[in-house]
């Protein structure tokens, strides 16, 4: 009886071929997985823009880090560890250092503007008070009981002195 050649010759041979194919594909996937960049270089250009590359840059201030040490599957962090430790506690994982710096500058500017506005408001209040109280010999005001009374000269002079001190220290 002549032997038939081909894939359908025996069930054992079919399984052996499928197993060899699976092992070969597994090997190819393992090699391709290890071919990805594990060393990443980062630097900031003169415009403040961060760059990332798997090739070392010409910039002397670049930092390199191992991707496997930074990202572990299932973790939430994606930024490289900061060797200096500066800004590590304030930056969120998805926020660049440049973006964090811009937000810090904006927050500081907003606080300075609020403080300046409050100082200007108080300066205007003290200047108006000084303009009302200083030239007048008789200053009338309403007390807690709703009565209009005259301020004595000592209290008026103390108020003038306090106003001038505040204006000289805080106002332009």
N, C-alpha and C. Protein backbone atom coordinates (compact mmCIF):
# COMPACT_ATOMS: atom_id res chain seq x y z
N UNK A 1 0.83 -1.17 0.00
CA UNK A 1 0.00 0.00 0.00
C UNK A 1 0.88 1.25 0.00
N UNK A 2 0.64 2.17 -0.92
CA UNK A 2 1.48 3.36 -0.98
C UNK A 2 1.15 4.32 0.18
N UNK A 3 2.21 4.99 0.64
CA UNK A 3 2.04 5.96 1.74
C UNK A 3 1.59 7.31 1.20
N UNK A 4 0.69 7.91 1.91
CA UNK A 4 0.25 9.24 1.53
C UNK A 4 1.13 10.26 2.23
N UNK A 5 1.55 11.20 1.52
CA UNK A 5 2.36 12.26 2.11
C UNK A 5 1.48 13.51 2.28
N UNK A 6 1.82 14.31 3.25
CA UNK A 6 1.08 15.56 3.43
C UNK A 6 0.76 15.79 4.90
N UNK A 7 -0.02 16.80 5.12
CA UNK A 7 -0.33 17.25 6.46
C UNK A 7 -1.25 16.28 7.19
N UNK A 8 -2.07 15.60 6.48
CA UNK A 8 -3.06 14.72 7.09
C UNK A 8 -2.51 13.32 7.32
N UNK A 9 -1.20 13.14 7.27
CA UNK A 9 -0.61 11.82 7.39
C UNK A 9 -0.87 11.20 8.75
N UNK A 10 -0.61 11.96 9.83
CA UNK A 10 -0.87 11.40 11.15
C UNK A 10 -1.25 12.52 12.11
N UNK A 11 -2.14 12.23 13.08
CA UNK A 11 -2.55 13.28 14.04
C UNK A 11 -1.37 13.74 14.91
N UNK A 12 -0.44 12.89 15.24
CA UNK A 12 0.71 13.28 16.06
C UNK A 12 1.60 14.29 15.35
N UNK A 13 1.80 14.08 14.08
CA UNK A 13 2.62 15.01 13.31
C UNK A 13 1.95 16.38 13.22
N UNK A 14 0.64 16.40 13.07
CA UNK A 14 -0.11 17.65 13.00
C UNK A 14 0.07 18.44 14.29
N UNK A 15 -0.04 17.79 15.41
CA UNK A 15 0.11 18.47 16.72
C UNK A 15 1.54 18.97 16.87
N UNK A 16 2.53 18.16 16.45
CA UNK A 16 3.94 18.57 16.56
C UNK A 16 4.19 19.82 15.71
N UNK A 17 3.63 19.91 14.53
CA UNK A 17 3.81 21.08 13.67
C UNK A 17 3.16 22.31 14.30
N UNK A 18 1.96 22.15 14.84
CA UNK A 18 1.26 23.27 15.50
C UNK A 18 2.06 23.75 16.70
N UNK A 19 2.61 22.83 17.48
CA UNK A 19 3.41 23.20 18.66
C UNK A 19 4.68 23.94 18.23
N UNK A 20 5.35 23.47 17.17
CA UNK A 20 6.55 24.15 16.69
C UNK A 20 6.21 25.56 16.20
N UNK A 21 5.09 25.70 15.52
CA UNK A 21 4.66 27.01 15.05
C UNK A 21 4.36 27.94 16.23
N UNK A 22 3.68 27.45 17.26
CA UNK A 22 3.37 28.25 18.45
C UNK A 22 4.65 28.68 19.18
N UNK A 23 5.60 27.76 19.31
CA UNK A 23 6.86 28.08 19.98
C UNK A 23 7.63 29.11 19.16
N UNK A 24 7.63 28.96 17.86
CA UNK A 24 8.32 29.92 16.99
C UNK A 24 7.70 31.32 17.09
N UNK A 25 6.37 31.39 17.07
CA UNK A 25 5.70 32.69 17.21
C UNK A 25 5.96 33.30 18.59
N UNK A 26 5.97 32.49 19.63
CA UNK A 26 6.28 32.97 20.97
C UNK A 26 7.68 33.55 21.04
N UNK A 27 8.63 32.90 20.39
CA UNK A 27 10.01 33.38 20.36
C UNK A 27 10.08 34.72 19.62
N UNK A 28 9.38 34.83 18.49
CA UNK A 28 9.38 36.08 17.72
C UNK A 28 8.79 37.22 18.56
N UNK A 29 7.68 36.97 19.24
CA UNK A 29 7.08 38.01 20.09
C UNK A 29 8.00 38.41 21.23
N UNK A 30 8.70 37.46 21.81
CA UNK A 30 9.62 37.77 22.90
C UNK A 30 10.77 38.63 22.40
N UNK A 31 11.29 38.34 21.22
CA UNK A 31 12.39 39.13 20.66
C UNK A 31 11.90 40.54 20.33
N UNK A 32 10.72 40.66 19.74
CA UNK A 32 10.19 41.98 19.40
C UNK A 32 9.90 42.81 20.65
N UNK A 33 9.44 42.16 21.70
CA UNK A 33 9.15 42.87 22.95
C UNK A 33 10.43 43.42 23.55
N UNK A 34 11.52 42.70 23.51
CA UNK A 34 12.79 43.15 24.06
C UNK A 34 13.48 44.15 23.15
N UNK A 35 13.03 44.29 21.90
CA UNK A 35 13.66 45.22 20.97
C UNK A 35 13.23 46.66 21.24
N UNK A 36 12.21 46.89 22.05
CA UNK A 36 11.77 48.25 22.32
C UNK A 36 12.81 48.97 23.19
N UNK A 37 12.77 50.31 23.14
CA UNK A 37 13.75 51.12 23.85
C UNK A 37 13.55 50.99 25.35
N UNK A 38 14.63 50.68 26.05
CA UNK A 38 14.57 50.62 27.51
C UNK A 38 15.24 51.84 28.12
N UNK A 39 16.12 52.48 27.37
CA UNK A 39 16.82 53.66 27.84
C UNK A 39 16.20 54.87 27.14
N UNK A 40 15.71 55.83 27.92
CA UNK A 40 15.07 57.02 27.35
C UNK A 40 15.84 58.23 27.82
N UNK A 41 16.07 59.16 26.92
CA UNK A 41 16.79 60.39 27.22
C UNK A 41 15.79 61.55 27.21
N UNK A 42 15.95 62.47 28.14
CA UNK A 42 15.07 63.62 28.22
C UNK A 42 15.91 64.87 28.40
N UNK A 43 15.46 65.98 27.78
CA UNK A 43 16.13 67.26 27.94
C UNK A 43 15.12 68.36 27.63
N UNK A 44 15.47 69.57 28.05
CA UNK A 44 14.61 70.73 27.82
C UNK A 44 15.38 71.69 26.93
N UNK A 45 14.78 72.13 25.84
CA UNK A 45 15.47 73.03 24.92
C UNK A 45 15.44 74.46 25.44
N UNK A 46 16.03 75.39 24.67
CA UNK A 46 16.14 76.78 25.10
C UNK A 46 14.80 77.48 25.22
N UNK A 47 13.74 76.91 24.61
CA UNK A 47 12.39 77.50 24.70
C UNK A 47 11.60 76.90 25.86
N UNK A 48 12.20 76.00 26.63
CA UNK A 48 11.52 75.38 27.76
C UNK A 48 10.66 74.19 27.39
N UNK A 49 10.83 73.65 26.19
CA UNK A 49 10.01 72.52 25.74
C UNK A 49 10.75 71.23 26.06
N UNK A 50 10.11 70.30 26.81
CA UNK A 50 10.77 69.03 27.11
C UNK A 50 10.73 68.09 25.90
N UNK A 51 11.82 67.36 25.72
CA UNK A 51 11.93 66.38 24.63
C UNK A 51 12.30 65.03 25.21
N UNK A 52 11.83 63.95 24.54
CA UNK A 52 12.12 62.58 24.95
C UNK A 52 12.57 61.82 23.71
N UNK A 53 13.58 60.97 23.87
CA UNK A 53 14.08 60.21 22.73
C UNK A 53 14.77 58.95 23.22
N UNK A 54 14.86 57.94 22.33
CA UNK A 54 15.62 56.75 22.67
C UNK A 54 17.06 56.87 22.19
N UNK A 55 17.37 57.96 21.49
CA UNK A 55 18.73 58.23 21.02
C UNK A 55 19.33 59.32 21.89
N UNK A 56 20.60 59.21 22.29
CA UNK A 56 21.21 60.26 23.10
C UNK A 56 21.29 61.57 22.33
N UNK A 57 20.90 62.69 22.95
CA UNK A 57 20.92 63.98 22.25
C UNK A 57 22.31 64.60 22.30
N UNK A 58 22.47 65.70 21.56
CA UNK A 58 23.73 66.43 21.56
C UNK A 58 23.81 67.38 22.76
N UNK A 59 22.72 67.50 23.50
CA UNK A 59 22.64 68.43 24.63
C UNK A 59 23.32 67.81 25.84
N UNK A 60 24.18 68.58 26.50
CA UNK A 60 24.93 68.05 27.64
C UNK A 60 24.07 67.95 28.89
N UNK A 61 22.95 68.66 28.95
CA UNK A 61 22.13 68.66 30.15
C UNK A 61 21.04 67.60 30.13
N UNK A 62 21.15 66.62 29.25
CA UNK A 62 20.11 65.60 29.17
C UNK A 62 20.24 64.61 30.32
N UNK A 63 19.12 63.97 30.66
CA UNK A 63 19.08 62.93 31.68
C UNK A 63 18.61 61.66 31.00
N UNK A 64 19.11 60.54 31.47
CA UNK A 64 18.61 59.28 30.93
C UNK A 64 18.02 58.47 32.08
N UNK A 65 17.04 57.65 31.75
CA UNK A 65 16.45 56.78 32.75
C UNK A 65 15.98 55.51 32.09
N UNK A 66 15.92 54.45 32.87
CA UNK A 66 15.51 53.15 32.37
C UNK A 66 14.00 53.06 32.46
N UNK A 67 13.36 52.76 31.34
CA UNK A 67 11.90 52.73 31.28
C UNK A 67 11.34 51.66 32.20
N UNK A 68 12.00 50.53 32.32
CA UNK A 68 11.49 49.45 33.16
C UNK A 68 11.48 49.84 34.63
N UNK A 69 12.39 50.75 35.04
CA UNK A 69 12.41 51.19 36.43
C UNK A 69 11.31 52.21 36.70
N UNK A 70 10.91 52.94 35.68
CA UNK A 70 9.93 54.01 35.84
C UNK A 70 8.51 53.49 35.79
N UNK A 71 8.20 52.69 34.79
CA UNK A 71 6.82 52.24 34.61
C UNK A 71 6.72 50.75 34.88
N UNK A 72 5.87 50.41 35.80
CA UNK A 72 5.55 49.01 36.08
C UNK A 72 4.09 48.82 35.72
N UNK A 73 3.74 47.76 35.02
CA UNK A 73 2.34 47.54 34.67
C UNK A 73 1.46 47.57 35.92
N UNK A 74 0.36 48.28 35.82
CA UNK A 74 -0.56 48.40 36.95
C UNK A 74 -0.29 49.62 37.81
N UNK A 75 0.84 50.32 37.59
CA UNK A 75 1.11 51.51 38.38
C UNK A 75 0.49 52.71 37.68
N UNK A 76 0.35 53.82 38.42
CA UNK A 76 -0.26 55.00 37.84
C UNK A 76 0.76 56.05 37.45
N UNK A 77 1.95 56.02 37.99
CA UNK A 77 2.96 57.02 37.69
C UNK A 77 3.58 56.81 36.33
N UNK A 78 3.88 57.92 35.63
CA UNK A 78 4.50 57.78 34.33
C UNK A 78 5.69 58.72 34.17
N UNK A 79 6.03 59.53 35.19
CA UNK A 79 7.16 60.44 35.09
C UNK A 79 8.42 59.75 35.59
N UNK A 80 9.58 60.12 35.03
CA UNK A 80 10.83 59.55 35.51
C UNK A 80 11.12 60.05 36.91
N UNK A 81 11.83 59.26 37.73
CA UNK A 81 12.16 59.72 39.07
C UNK A 81 13.08 60.93 38.98
N UNK A 82 12.82 61.94 39.79
CA UNK A 82 13.62 63.15 39.80
C UNK A 82 14.80 62.93 40.72
N UNK A 83 16.00 62.92 40.17
CA UNK A 83 17.18 62.63 40.98
C UNK A 83 17.45 63.71 42.01
N UNK A 84 17.12 64.98 41.67
CA UNK A 84 17.33 66.07 42.61
C UNK A 84 16.25 66.12 43.66
N UNK A 85 15.11 65.54 43.38
CA UNK A 85 14.01 65.53 44.33
C UNK A 85 13.19 66.81 44.31
N UNK A 86 13.57 67.79 43.51
CA UNK A 86 12.85 69.06 43.47
C UNK A 86 11.60 68.91 42.65
N UNK A 87 10.49 69.34 43.20
CA UNK A 87 9.24 69.32 42.48
C UNK A 87 8.57 67.97 42.43
N UNK A 88 9.16 66.94 43.02
CA UNK A 88 8.59 65.61 42.94
C UNK A 88 7.30 65.51 43.73
N UNK A 89 7.20 66.25 44.84
CA UNK A 89 5.99 66.13 45.64
C UNK A 89 4.88 67.03 45.11
N UNK A 90 5.19 68.06 44.35
CA UNK A 90 4.16 68.98 43.90
C UNK A 90 3.60 68.63 42.54
N UNK A 91 4.38 68.04 41.64
CA UNK A 91 3.91 67.75 40.29
C UNK A 91 3.03 66.51 40.29
N UNK A 92 1.94 66.57 39.57
CA UNK A 92 1.11 65.39 39.41
C UNK A 92 1.77 64.48 38.39
N UNK A 93 1.48 63.17 38.42
CA UNK A 93 2.18 62.25 37.53
C UNK A 93 2.03 62.58 36.05
N UNK A 94 0.91 63.14 35.63
CA UNK A 94 0.69 63.41 34.22
C UNK A 94 1.06 64.84 33.84
N UNK A 95 1.74 65.58 34.70
CA UNK A 95 2.03 66.97 34.46
C UNK A 95 3.55 67.15 34.33
N UNK A 96 3.98 67.85 33.30
CA UNK A 96 5.41 68.06 33.10
C UNK A 96 5.91 69.10 34.10
N UNK A 97 7.21 69.12 34.27
CA UNK A 97 7.82 70.09 35.18
C UNK A 97 7.59 71.51 34.68
N UNK A 98 7.64 71.69 33.37
CA UNK A 98 7.41 73.02 32.80
C UNK A 98 5.98 73.49 33.06
N UNK A 99 5.01 72.58 32.91
CA UNK A 99 3.62 72.94 33.17
C UNK A 99 3.41 73.27 34.65
N UNK A 100 4.03 72.50 35.53
CA UNK A 100 3.94 72.76 36.97
C UNK A 100 4.53 74.13 37.29
N UNK A 101 5.65 74.46 36.66
CA UNK A 101 6.30 75.76 36.88
C UNK A 101 5.39 76.90 36.40
N UNK A 102 4.75 76.72 35.23
CA UNK A 102 3.83 77.74 34.72
C UNK A 102 2.67 77.95 35.68
N UNK A 103 2.14 76.87 36.23
CA UNK A 103 1.02 77.00 37.18
C UNK A 103 1.47 77.67 38.47
N UNK A 104 2.68 77.36 38.94
CA UNK A 104 3.21 78.02 40.15
C UNK A 104 3.37 79.52 39.91
N UNK A 105 3.89 79.89 38.74
CA UNK A 105 4.07 81.31 38.42
C UNK A 105 2.72 82.01 38.35
N UNK A 106 1.74 81.38 37.72
CA UNK A 106 0.39 81.98 37.61
C UNK A 106 -0.24 82.14 38.99
N UNK A 107 -0.08 81.12 39.87
CA UNK A 107 -0.64 81.21 41.22
C UNK A 107 0.04 82.33 42.01
N UNK A 108 1.37 82.46 41.90
CA UNK A 108 2.09 83.53 42.61
C UNK A 108 1.65 84.90 42.10
N UNK A 109 1.48 85.03 40.78
CA UNK A 109 1.05 86.30 40.19
C UNK A 109 -0.34 86.67 40.70
N UNK A 110 -1.22 85.67 40.77
CA UNK A 110 -2.58 85.92 41.25
C UNK A 110 -2.57 86.37 42.72
N UNK A 111 -1.74 85.74 43.54
CA UNK A 111 -1.64 86.13 44.95
C UNK A 111 -1.08 87.53 45.09
N UNK A 112 -0.03 87.86 44.30
CA UNK A 112 0.55 89.21 44.36
C UNK A 112 -0.47 90.26 43.94
N UNK A 113 -1.25 89.96 42.88
CA UNK A 113 -2.26 90.92 42.42
C UNK A 113 -3.35 91.12 43.47
N UNK A 114 -3.76 90.04 44.13
CA UNK A 114 -4.77 90.16 45.18
C UNK A 114 -4.24 90.98 46.34
N UNK A 115 -2.98 90.74 46.71
CA UNK A 115 -2.38 91.49 47.82
C UNK A 115 -2.23 92.97 47.43
N UNK A 116 -1.83 93.23 46.19
CA UNK A 116 -1.68 94.61 45.72
C UNK A 116 -3.04 95.32 45.71
N UNK A 117 -4.09 94.63 45.28
CA UNK A 117 -5.43 95.23 45.25
C UNK A 117 -5.90 95.56 46.67
N UNK A 118 -5.64 94.66 47.61
CA UNK A 118 -6.02 94.92 49.01
C UNK A 118 -5.25 96.11 49.57
N UNK A 119 -3.95 96.19 49.27
CA UNK A 119 -3.13 97.31 49.75
C UNK A 119 -3.62 98.61 49.15
N UNK A 120 -3.94 98.62 47.86
CA UNK A 120 -4.45 99.84 47.22
C UNK A 120 -5.79 100.26 47.84
N UNK A 121 -6.63 99.29 48.14
CA UNK A 121 -7.92 99.59 48.77
C UNK A 121 -7.70 100.24 50.15
N UNK A 122 -6.79 99.66 50.93
CA UNK A 122 -6.52 100.21 52.27
C UNK A 122 -5.85 101.58 52.17
N UNK A 123 -4.98 101.77 51.18
CA UNK A 123 -4.35 103.08 50.99
C UNK A 123 -5.40 104.14 50.68
N UNK A 124 -6.31 103.81 49.80
CA UNK A 124 -7.37 104.77 49.45
C UNK A 124 -8.21 105.09 50.68
N UNK A 125 -8.49 104.08 51.49
CA UNK A 125 -9.30 104.30 52.70
C UNK A 125 -8.57 105.23 53.68
N UNK A 126 -7.26 104.96 53.92
CA UNK A 126 -6.50 105.81 54.85
C UNK A 126 -6.29 107.21 54.30
N UNK A 127 -6.09 107.36 52.98
CA UNK A 127 -5.92 108.69 52.39
C UNK A 127 -7.21 109.51 52.51
N UNK A 128 -8.34 108.86 52.31
CA UNK A 128 -9.62 109.56 52.46
C UNK A 128 -9.83 109.96 53.92
N UNK A 129 -9.53 109.03 54.84
CA UNK A 129 -9.66 109.33 56.26
C UNK A 129 -8.76 110.49 56.66
N UNK A 130 -7.52 110.49 56.17
CA UNK A 130 -6.58 111.57 56.48
C UNK A 130 -7.08 112.89 55.90
N UNK A 131 -7.61 112.86 54.68
CA UNK A 131 -8.12 114.08 54.06
C UNK A 131 -9.33 114.63 54.80
N UNK A 132 -10.14 113.73 55.37
CA UNK A 132 -11.32 114.17 56.12
C UNK A 132 -10.98 114.66 57.52
N UNK A 133 -10.03 114.02 58.19
CA UNK A 133 -9.78 114.27 59.62
C UNK A 133 -8.71 115.33 59.87
N UNK A 134 -7.66 115.36 59.07
CA UNK A 134 -6.51 116.22 59.38
C UNK A 134 -6.83 117.72 59.34
N UNK A 135 -7.45 118.24 58.29
CA UNK A 135 -7.63 119.70 58.26
C UNK A 135 -8.75 120.19 59.19
N UNK A 136 -9.65 119.34 59.57
CA UNK A 136 -10.80 119.79 60.37
C UNK A 136 -10.45 119.80 61.84
N UNK A 137 -10.84 120.85 62.52
CA UNK A 137 -10.62 120.92 63.97
C UNK A 137 -11.74 120.19 64.68
N UNK A 138 -12.92 120.20 64.09
CA UNK A 138 -14.07 119.54 64.69
C UNK A 138 -14.45 118.35 63.81
N UNK A 139 -14.25 117.15 64.34
CA UNK A 139 -14.60 115.94 63.61
C UNK A 139 -15.79 115.31 64.31
N UNK A 140 -16.83 115.09 63.56
CA UNK A 140 -18.04 114.49 64.11
C UNK A 140 -18.16 113.07 63.57
N UNK A 141 -18.60 112.14 64.41
CA UNK A 141 -18.81 110.76 63.98
C UNK A 141 -20.00 110.20 64.74
N UNK A 142 -20.50 109.05 64.25
CA UNK A 142 -21.63 108.40 64.89
C UNK A 142 -21.11 107.25 65.72
N UNK A 143 -21.47 107.23 67.01
CA UNK A 143 -21.00 106.16 67.90
C UNK A 143 -21.90 104.93 67.78
N UNK A 144 -21.66 103.93 68.65
CA UNK A 144 -22.41 102.67 68.60
C UNK A 144 -23.90 102.86 68.90
N UNK A 145 -24.22 103.86 69.66
CA UNK A 145 -25.61 104.11 70.02
C UNK A 145 -26.36 104.89 68.94
N UNK A 146 -25.66 105.28 67.89
CA UNK A 146 -26.30 106.03 66.81
C UNK A 146 -26.32 107.52 67.06
N UNK A 147 -25.61 107.99 68.07
CA UNK A 147 -25.57 109.42 68.39
C UNK A 147 -24.40 110.06 67.66
N UNK A 148 -24.57 111.27 67.18
CA UNK A 148 -23.49 112.02 66.56
C UNK A 148 -22.75 112.75 67.67
N UNK A 149 -21.45 112.46 67.77
CA UNK A 149 -20.62 113.07 68.81
C UNK A 149 -19.37 113.66 68.17
N UNK A 150 -18.72 114.56 68.92
CA UNK A 150 -17.49 115.20 68.45
C UNK A 150 -16.30 114.39 68.96
N UNK A 151 -15.32 114.15 68.04
CA UNK A 151 -14.09 113.45 68.41
C UNK A 151 -13.16 114.44 69.11
N UNK A 152 -12.57 113.99 70.26
CA UNK A 152 -11.66 114.91 70.95
C UNK A 152 -10.35 115.01 70.18
N UNK A 153 -9.58 116.06 70.45
CA UNK A 153 -8.37 116.37 69.68
C UNK A 153 -7.31 115.28 69.80
N UNK A 154 -7.17 114.65 70.96
CA UNK A 154 -6.16 113.59 71.13
C UNK A 154 -6.47 112.39 70.24
N UNK A 155 -7.73 111.97 70.18
CA UNK A 155 -8.14 110.84 69.35
C UNK A 155 -7.97 111.21 67.87
N UNK A 156 -8.28 112.45 67.52
CA UNK A 156 -8.12 112.90 66.13
C UNK A 156 -6.65 112.90 65.73
N UNK A 157 -5.77 113.39 66.58
CA UNK A 157 -4.34 113.42 66.28
C UNK A 157 -3.75 112.00 66.20
N UNK A 158 -4.24 111.10 67.03
CA UNK A 158 -3.80 109.71 66.98
C UNK A 158 -4.23 109.05 65.67
N UNK A 159 -5.44 109.34 65.22
CA UNK A 159 -5.94 108.82 63.96
C UNK A 159 -5.15 109.38 62.78
N UNK A 160 -4.80 110.65 62.83
CA UNK A 160 -3.98 111.28 61.78
C UNK A 160 -2.60 110.64 61.74
N UNK A 161 -2.02 110.45 62.91
CA UNK A 161 -0.68 109.84 63.00
C UNK A 161 -0.69 108.41 62.46
N UNK A 162 -1.69 107.62 62.85
CA UNK A 162 -1.83 106.24 62.38
C UNK A 162 -1.99 106.19 60.87
N UNK A 163 -2.80 107.09 60.33
CA UNK A 163 -3.03 107.13 58.88
C UNK A 163 -1.76 107.49 58.13
N UNK A 164 -1.02 108.47 58.62
CA UNK A 164 0.23 108.88 57.96
C UNK A 164 1.26 107.76 58.00
N UNK A 165 1.34 107.05 59.13
CA UNK A 165 2.28 105.93 59.23
C UNK A 165 1.94 104.84 58.22
N UNK A 166 0.66 104.49 58.13
CA UNK A 166 0.26 103.44 57.19
C UNK A 166 0.56 103.87 55.75
N UNK A 167 0.23 105.11 55.42
CA UNK A 167 0.44 105.62 54.06
C UNK A 167 1.93 105.64 53.71
N UNK A 168 2.77 106.08 54.67
CA UNK A 168 4.21 106.15 54.38
C UNK A 168 4.83 104.76 54.21
N UNK A 169 4.32 103.77 54.92
CA UNK A 169 4.90 102.41 54.83
C UNK A 169 4.36 101.60 53.65
N UNK A 170 3.09 101.79 53.30
CA UNK A 170 2.45 100.87 52.36
C UNK A 170 2.03 101.48 51.04
N UNK A 171 1.94 102.80 50.95
CA UNK A 171 1.40 103.43 49.73
C UNK A 171 2.50 104.12 48.96
N UNK A 172 2.29 104.22 47.66
CA UNK A 172 3.30 104.86 46.80
C UNK A 172 3.07 106.33 46.73
